[in-house]
Amino acid sequence: MKCANCKYCSYEGAGIAGGYKCTHPDIENSAKKYEEIKGKTINKSYSHIGYHMIKTSLRYCPLKKF
């Protein structure tokens, strides 16, 4: 799965608040489930992808099985 081809990936905002974001409705539930399963903490906004387009999807992408 690549974020560049995803319909839920879009560029929003400007400046420090800007960047690519995932607008999938289940992104928060998927990220929380990932945290519980892996025992890790996500230190950024769940929907924030980055300031530049990434090559692959997020680890907790709702469209990807983890």
PDB file of N, CA and C in Angstrom:
ATOM      1  N   MET A   1       0.853  -1.189   0.000  1.00  0.00           N
ATOM      2  CA  MET A   1       0.000   0.000   0.000  1.00  0.00           C
ATOM      3  C   MET A   1       0.888   1.238   0.000  1.00  0.00           C
ATOM      4  N   LYS A   2       0.579   2.169  -0.858  1.00  0.00           N
ATOM      5  CA  LYS A   2       1.337   3.409  -0.932  1.00  0.00           C
ATOM      6  C   LYS A   2       0.400   4.582  -0.679  1.00  0.00           C
ATOM      7  N   CYS A   3       0.822   5.503   0.143  1.00  0.00           N
ATOM      8  CA  CYS A   3       0.006   6.683   0.459  1.00  0.00           C
ATOM      9  C   CYS A   3      -0.193   7.568  -0.768  1.00  0.00           C
ATOM     10  N   ALA A   4       0.750   7.579  -1.670  1.00  0.00           N
ATOM     11  CA  ALA A   4       0.640   8.421  -2.865  1.00  0.00           C
ATOM     12  C   ALA A   4      -0.557   8.016  -3.721  1.00  0.00           C
ATOM     13  N   ASN A   5      -0.945   6.748  -3.688  1.00  0.00           N
ATOM     14  CA  ASN A   5      -2.059   6.257  -4.484  1.00  0.00           C
ATOM     15  C   ASN A   5      -3.371   6.191  -3.696  1.00  0.00           C
ATOM     16  N   CYS A   6      -3.366   6.551  -2.450  1.00  0.00           N
ATOM     17  CA  CYS A   6      -4.540   6.433  -1.580  1.00  0.00           C
ATOM     18  C   CYS A   6      -5.459   7.646  -1.722  1.00  0.00           C
ATOM     19  N   LYS A   7      -6.750   7.388  -1.741  1.00  0.00           N
ATOM     20  CA  LYS A   7      -7.706   8.492  -1.869  1.00  0.00           C
ATOM     21  C   LYS A   7      -7.881   9.256  -0.558  1.00  0.00           C
ATOM     22  N   TYR A   8      -7.409   8.703   0.566  1.00  0.00           N
ATOM     23  CA  TYR A   8      -7.549   9.352   1.865  1.00  0.00           C
ATOM     24  C   TYR A   8      -6.353  10.225   2.231  1.00  0.00           C
ATOM     25  N   CYS A   9      -5.312  10.199   1.420  1.00  0.00           N
ATOM     26  CA  CYS A   9      -4.130  11.012   1.677  1.00  0.00           C
ATOM     27  C   CYS A   9      -4.274  12.358   0.979  1.00  0.00           C
ATOM     28  N   SER A  10      -4.135  13.443   1.748  1.00  0.00           N
ATOM     29  CA  SER A  10      -4.241  14.769   1.149  1.00  0.00           C
ATOM     30  C   SER A  10      -3.328  15.748   1.883  1.00  0.00           C
ATOM     31  N   TYR A  11      -2.950  16.808   1.190  1.00  0.00           N
ATOM     32  CA  TYR A  11      -2.130  17.858   1.785  1.00  0.00           C
ATOM     33  C   TYR A  11      -3.056  18.893   2.394  1.00  0.00           C
ATOM     34  N   GLU A  12      -2.849  19.195   3.666  1.00  0.00           N
ATOM     35  CA  GLU A  12      -3.702  20.161   4.368  1.00  0.00           C
ATOM     36  C   GLU A  12      -2.847  21.117   5.177  1.00  0.00           C
ATOM     37  N   GLY A  13      -3.357  22.319   5.370  1.00  0.00           N
ATOM     38  CA  GLY A  13      -2.720  23.301   6.231  1.00  0.00           C
ATOM     39  C   GLY A  13      -1.544  23.997   5.588  1.00  0.00           C
ATOM     40  N   ALA A  14      -0.883  24.811   6.395  1.00  0.00           N
ATOM     41  CA  ALA A  14       0.281  25.550   5.937  1.00  0.00           C
ATOM     42  C   ALA A  14       1.236  25.743   7.111  1.00  0.00           C
ATOM     43  N   GLY A  15       2.495  25.941   6.804  1.00  0.00           N
ATOM     44  CA  GLY A  15       3.488  26.167   7.843  1.00  0.00           C
ATOM     45  C   GLY A  15       3.729  24.932   8.683  1.00  0.00           C
ATOM     46  N   ILE A  16       3.898  25.117   9.981  1.00  0.00           N
ATOM     47  CA  ILE A  16       4.200  24.008  10.883  1.00  0.00           C
ATOM     48  C   ILE A  16       3.019  23.055  11.035  1.00  0.00           C
ATOM     49  N   ALA A  17       1.816  23.527  10.843  1.00  0.00           N
ATOM     50  CA  ALA A  17       0.627  22.681  10.954  1.00  0.00           C
ATOM     51  C   ALA A  17       0.286  21.985   9.643  1.00  0.00           C
ATOM     52  N   GLY A  18       0.999  22.297   8.595  1.00  0.00           N
ATOM     53  CA  GLY A  18       0.717  21.714   7.289  1.00  0.00           C
ATOM     54  C   GLY A  18       1.370  20.365   7.108  1.00  0.00           C
ATOM     55  N   GLY A  19       1.040  19.731   6.018  1.00  0.00           N
ATOM     56  CA  GLY A  19       1.644  18.458   5.689  1.00  0.00           C
ATOM     57  C   GLY A  19       0.618  17.487   5.161  1.00  0.00           C
ATOM     58  N   TYR A  20       1.079  16.301   4.846  1.00  0.00           N
ATOM     59  CA  TYR A  20       0.185  15.264   4.356  1.00  0.00           C
ATOM     60  C   TYR A  20      -0.520  14.612   5.542  1.00  0.00           C
ATOM     61  N   LYS A  21      -1.811  14.418   5.376  1.00  0.00           N
ATOM     62  CA  LYS A  21      -2.615  13.835   6.449  1.00  0.00           C
ATOM     63  C   LYS A  21      -3.498  12.730   5.901  1.00  0.00           C
ATOM     64  N   CYS A  22      -3.786  11.750   6.746  1.00  0.00           N
ATOM     65  CA  CYS A  22      -4.696  10.670   6.393  1.00  0.00           C
ATOM     66  C   CYS A  22      -6.088  11.071   6.869  1.00  0.00           C
ATOM     67  N   THR A  23      -7.048  11.062   5.970  1.00  0.00           N
ATOM     68  CA  THR A  23      -8.403  11.473   6.326  1.00  0.00           C
ATOM     69  C   THR A  23      -9.345  10.288   6.453  1.00  0.00           C
ATOM     70  N   HIS A  24      -8.794   9.078   6.578  1.00  0.00           N
ATOM     71  CA  HIS A  24      -9.625   7.876   6.730  1.00  0.00           C
ATOM     72  C   HIS A  24     -10.393   7.976   8.049  1.00  0.00           C
ATOM     73  N   PRO A  25     -11.688   7.637   8.064  1.00  0.00           N
ATOM     74  CA  PRO A  25     -12.481   7.777   9.290  1.00  0.00           C
ATOM     75  C   PRO A  25     -12.054   6.855  10.433  1.00  0.00           C
ATOM     76  N   ASP A  26     -11.352   5.757  10.150  1.00  0.00           N
ATOM     77  CA  ASP A  26     -10.949   4.809  11.195  1.00  0.00           C
ATOM     78  C   ASP A  26      -9.475   4.890  11.561  1.00  0.00           C
ATOM     79  N   ILE A  27      -8.797   5.983  11.236  1.00  0.00           N
ATOM     80  CA  ILE A  27      -7.361   6.089  11.501  1.00  0.00           C
ATOM     81  C   ILE A  27      -7.056   6.058  13.002  1.00  0.00           C
ATOM     82  N   GLU A  28      -7.868   6.705  13.820  1.00  0.00           N
ATOM     83  CA  GLU A  28      -7.611   6.724  15.262  1.00  0.00           C
ATOM     84  C   GLU A  28      -7.801   5.350  15.880  1.00  0.00           C
ATOM     85  N   ASN A  29      -8.859   4.650  15.504  1.00  0.00           N
ATOM     86  CA  ASN A  29      -9.093   3.305  16.038  1.00  0.00           C
ATOM     87  C   ASN A  29      -7.975   2.359  15.626  1.00  0.00           C
ATOM     88  N   SER A  30      -7.529   2.459  14.401  1.00  0.00           N
ATOM     89  CA  SER A  30      -6.454   1.613  13.913  1.00  0.00           C
ATOM     90  C   SER A  30      -5.145   1.908  14.649  1.00  0.00           C
ATOM     91  N   ALA A  31      -4.853   3.175  14.896  1.00  0.00           N
ATOM     92  CA  ALA A  31      -3.630   3.555  15.604  1.00  0.00           C
ATOM     93  C   ALA A  31      -3.669   3.077  17.056  1.00  0.00           C
ATOM     94  N   LYS A  32      -4.793   3.191  17.709  1.00  0.00           N
ATOM     95  CA  LYS A  32      -4.911   2.723  19.100  1.00  0.00           C
ATOM     96  C   LYS A  32      -4.777   1.208  19.176  1.00  0.00           C
ATOM     97  N   LYS A  33      -5.347   0.502  18.215  1.00  0.00           N
ATOM     98  CA  LYS A  33      -5.234  -0.949  18.158  1.00  0.00           C
ATOM     99  C   LYS A  33      -3.778  -1.349  17.938  1.00  0.00           C
ATOM    100  N   TYR A  34      -3.072  -0.622  17.073  1.00  0.00           N
ATOM    101  CA  TYR A  34      -1.653  -0.869  16.827  1.00  0.00           C
ATOM    102  C   TYR A  34      -0.847  -0.679  18.111  1.00  0.00           C
ATOM    103  N   GLU A  35      -1.139   0.391  18.856  1.00  0.00           N
ATOM    104  CA  GLU A  35      -0.431   0.640  20.111  1.00  0.00           C
ATOM    105  C   GLU A  35      -0.637  -0.493  21.101  1.00  0.00           C
ATOM    106  N   GLU A  36      -1.854  -1.009  21.194  1.00  0.00           N
ATOM    107  CA  GLU A  36      -2.143  -2.099  22.121  1.00  0.00           C
ATOM    108  C   GLU A  36      -1.438  -3.388  21.718  1.00  0.00           C
ATOM    109  N   ILE A  37      -1.476  -3.711  20.433  1.00  0.00           N
ATOM    110  CA  ILE A  37      -0.880  -4.962  19.961  1.00  0.00           C
ATOM    111  C   ILE A  37       0.648  -4.935  20.075  1.00  0.00           C
ATOM    112  N   LYS A  38       1.268  -3.875  19.631  1.00  0.00           N
ATOM    113  CA  LYS A  38       2.730  -3.791  19.597  1.00  0.00           C
ATOM    114  C   LYS A  38       3.346  -3.303  20.904  1.00  0.00           C
ATOM    115  N   GLY A  39       2.554  -2.694  21.778  1.00  0.00           N
ATOM    116  CA  GLY A  39       3.090  -2.181  23.031  1.00  0.00           C
ATOM    117  C   GLY A  39       3.944  -0.938  22.829  1.00  0.00           C
ATOM    118  N   LYS A  40       3.693  -0.203  21.778  1.00  0.00           N
ATOM    119  CA  LYS A  40       4.445   1.006  21.477  1.00  0.00           C
ATOM    120  C   LYS A  40       3.520   2.213  21.565  1.00  0.00           C
ATOM    121  N   THR A  41       4.099   3.387  21.714  1.00  0.00           N
ATOM    122  CA  THR A  41       3.337   4.621  21.771  1.00  0.00           C
ATOM    123  C   THR A  41       3.645   5.468  20.548  1.00  0.00           C
ATOM    124  N   ILE A  42       2.623   5.991  19.909  1.00  0.00           N
ATOM    125  CA  ILE A  42       2.790   6.883  18.768  1.00  0.00           C
ATOM    126  C   ILE A  42       2.867   8.301  19.306  1.00  0.00           C
ATOM    127  N   ASN A  43       3.969   8.991  19.023  1.00  0.00           N
ATOM    128  CA  ASN A  43       4.233  10.300  19.613  1.00  0.00           C
ATOM    129  C   ASN A  43       3.794  11.480  18.757  1.00  0.00           C
ATOM    130  N   LYS A  44       3.053  11.226  17.712  1.00  0.00           N
ATOM    131  CA  LYS A  44       2.598  12.320  16.854  1.00  0.00           C
ATOM    132  C   LYS A  44       1.099  12.183  16.644  1.00  0.00           C
ATOM    133  N   SER A  45       0.529  13.142  15.977  1.00  0.00           N
ATOM    134  CA  SER A  45      -0.884  13.063  15.639  1.00  0.00           C
ATOM    135  C   SER A  45      -1.104  11.836  14.768  1.00  0.00           C
ATOM    136  N   TYR A  46      -2.146  11.076  15.054  1.00  0.00           N
ATOM    137  CA  TYR A  46      -2.403   9.837  14.330  1.00  0.00           C
ATOM    138  C   TYR A  46      -2.600  10.079  12.836  1.00  0.00           C
ATOM    139  N   SER A  47      -3.211  11.171  12.478  1.00  0.00           N
ATOM    140  CA  SER A  47      -3.513  11.426  11.069  1.00  0.00           C
ATOM    141  C   SER A  47      -2.339  12.030  10.301  1.00  0.00           C
ATOM    142  N   HIS A  48      -1.315  12.514  10.992  1.00  0.00           N
ATOM    143  CA  HIS A  48      -0.184  13.174  10.327  1.00  0.00           C
ATOM    144  C   HIS A  48       0.724  12.144   9.662  1.00  0.00           C
ATOM    145  N   ILE A  49       0.946  12.286   8.364  1.00  0.00           N
ATOM    146  CA  ILE A  49       1.830  11.391   7.619  1.00  0.00           C
ATOM    147  C   ILE A  49       3.235  11.977   7.566  1.00  0.00           C
ATOM    148  N   GLY A  50       3.349  13.237   7.213  1.00  0.00           N
ATOM    149  CA  GLY A  50       4.654  13.883   7.139  1.00  0.00           C
ATOM    150  C   GLY A  50       4.591  15.138   6.307  1.00  0.00           C
ATOM    151  N   TYR A  51       5.725  15.838   6.243  1.00  0.00           N
ATOM    152  CA  TYR A  51       5.791  17.067   5.461  1.00  0.00           C
ATOM    153  C   TYR A  51       6.110  16.774   4.003  1.00  0.00           C
ATOM    154  N   HIS A  52       6.638  15.574   3.738  1.00  0.00           N
ATOM    155  CA  HIS A  52       6.903  15.101   2.383  1.00  0.00           C
ATOM    156  C   HIS A  52       6.181  13.783   2.223  1.00  0.00           C
ATOM    157  N   MET A  53       5.812  13.438   1.005  1.00  0.00           N
ATOM    158  CA  MET A  53       5.120  12.182   0.753  1.00  0.00           C
ATOM    159  C   MET A  53       6.067  11.011   1.049  1.00  0.00           C
ATOM    160  N   ILE A  54       5.569  10.025   1.789  1.00  0.00           N
ATOM    161  CA  ILE A  54       6.373   8.851   2.113  1.00  0.00           C
ATOM    162  C   ILE A  54       6.179   7.780   1.045  1.00  0.00           C
ATOM    163  N   LYS A  55       7.117   6.846   0.955  1.00  0.00           N
ATOM    164  CA  LYS A  55       7.061   5.827  -0.089  1.00  0.00           C
ATOM    165  C   LYS A  55       6.025   4.750   0.217  1.00  0.00           C
ATOM    166  N   THR A  56       5.899   4.358   1.485  1.00  0.00           N
ATOM    167  CA  THR A  56       4.943   3.319   1.863  1.00  0.00           C
ATOM    168  C   THR A  56       3.928   3.890   2.838  1.00  0.00           C
ATOM    169  N   SER A  57       2.983   3.077   3.244  1.00  0.00           N
ATOM    170  CA  SER A  57       1.936   3.558   4.159  1.00  0.00           C
ATOM    171  C   SER A  57       2.412   3.527   5.609  1.00  0.00           C
ATOM    172  N   LEU A  58       1.633   4.146   6.471  1.00  0.00           N
ATOM    173  CA  LEU A  58       1.911   4.125   7.900  1.00  0.00           C
ATOM    174  C   LEU A  58       1.769   2.711   8.433  1.00  0.00           C
ATOM    175  N   ARG A  59       2.445   2.414   9.521  1.00  0.00           N
ATOM    176  CA  ARG A  59       2.368   1.083  10.111  1.00  0.00           C
ATOM    177  C   ARG A  59       0.950   0.744  10.577  1.00  0.00           C
ATOM    178  N   TYR A  60       0.229   1.746  10.944  1.00  0.00           N
ATOM    179  CA  TYR A  60      -1.122   1.536  11.486  1.00  0.00           C
ATOM    180  C   TYR A  60      -2.208   1.966  10.509  1.00  0.00           C
ATOM    181  N   CYS A  61      -1.900   1.920   9.238  1.00  0.00           N
ATOM    182  CA  CYS A  61      -2.874   2.288   8.202  1.00  0.00           C
ATOM    183  C   CYS A  61      -4.103   1.370   8.278  1.00  0.00           C
ATOM    184  N   PRO A  62      -5.303   1.904   8.309  1.00  0.00           N
ATOM    185  CA  PRO A  62      -6.503   1.069   8.399  1.00  0.00           C
ATOM    186  C   PRO A  62      -6.737   0.212   7.156  1.00  0.00           C
ATOM    187  N   LEU A  63      -6.146   0.552   6.024  1.00  0.00           N
ATOM    188  CA  LEU A  63      -6.309  -0.224   4.808  1.00  0.00           C
ATOM    189  C   LEU A  63      -5.301  -1.367   4.718  1.00  0.00           C
ATOM    190  N   LYS A  64      -4.351  -1.407   5.644  1.00  0.00           N
ATOM    191  CA  LYS A  64      -3.300  -2.408   5.640  1.00  0.00           C
ATOM    192  C   LYS A  64      -3.470  -3.308   6.864  1.00  0.00           C
ATOM    193  N   LYS A  65      -3.245  -4.575   6.721  1.00  0.00           N
ATOM    194  CA  LYS A  65      -3.284  -5.504   7.859  1.00  0.00           C
ATOM    195  C   LYS A  65      -1.932  -5.488   8.542  1.00  0.00           C
ATOM    196  N   PHE A  66      -1.935  -5.319   9.868  1.00  0.00           N
ATOM    197  CA  PHE A  66      -0.637  -5.346  10.562  1.00  0.00           C
ATOM    198  C   PHE A  66      -0.531  -6.477  11.511  1.00  0.00           C
TER     199      PHE A  66
END
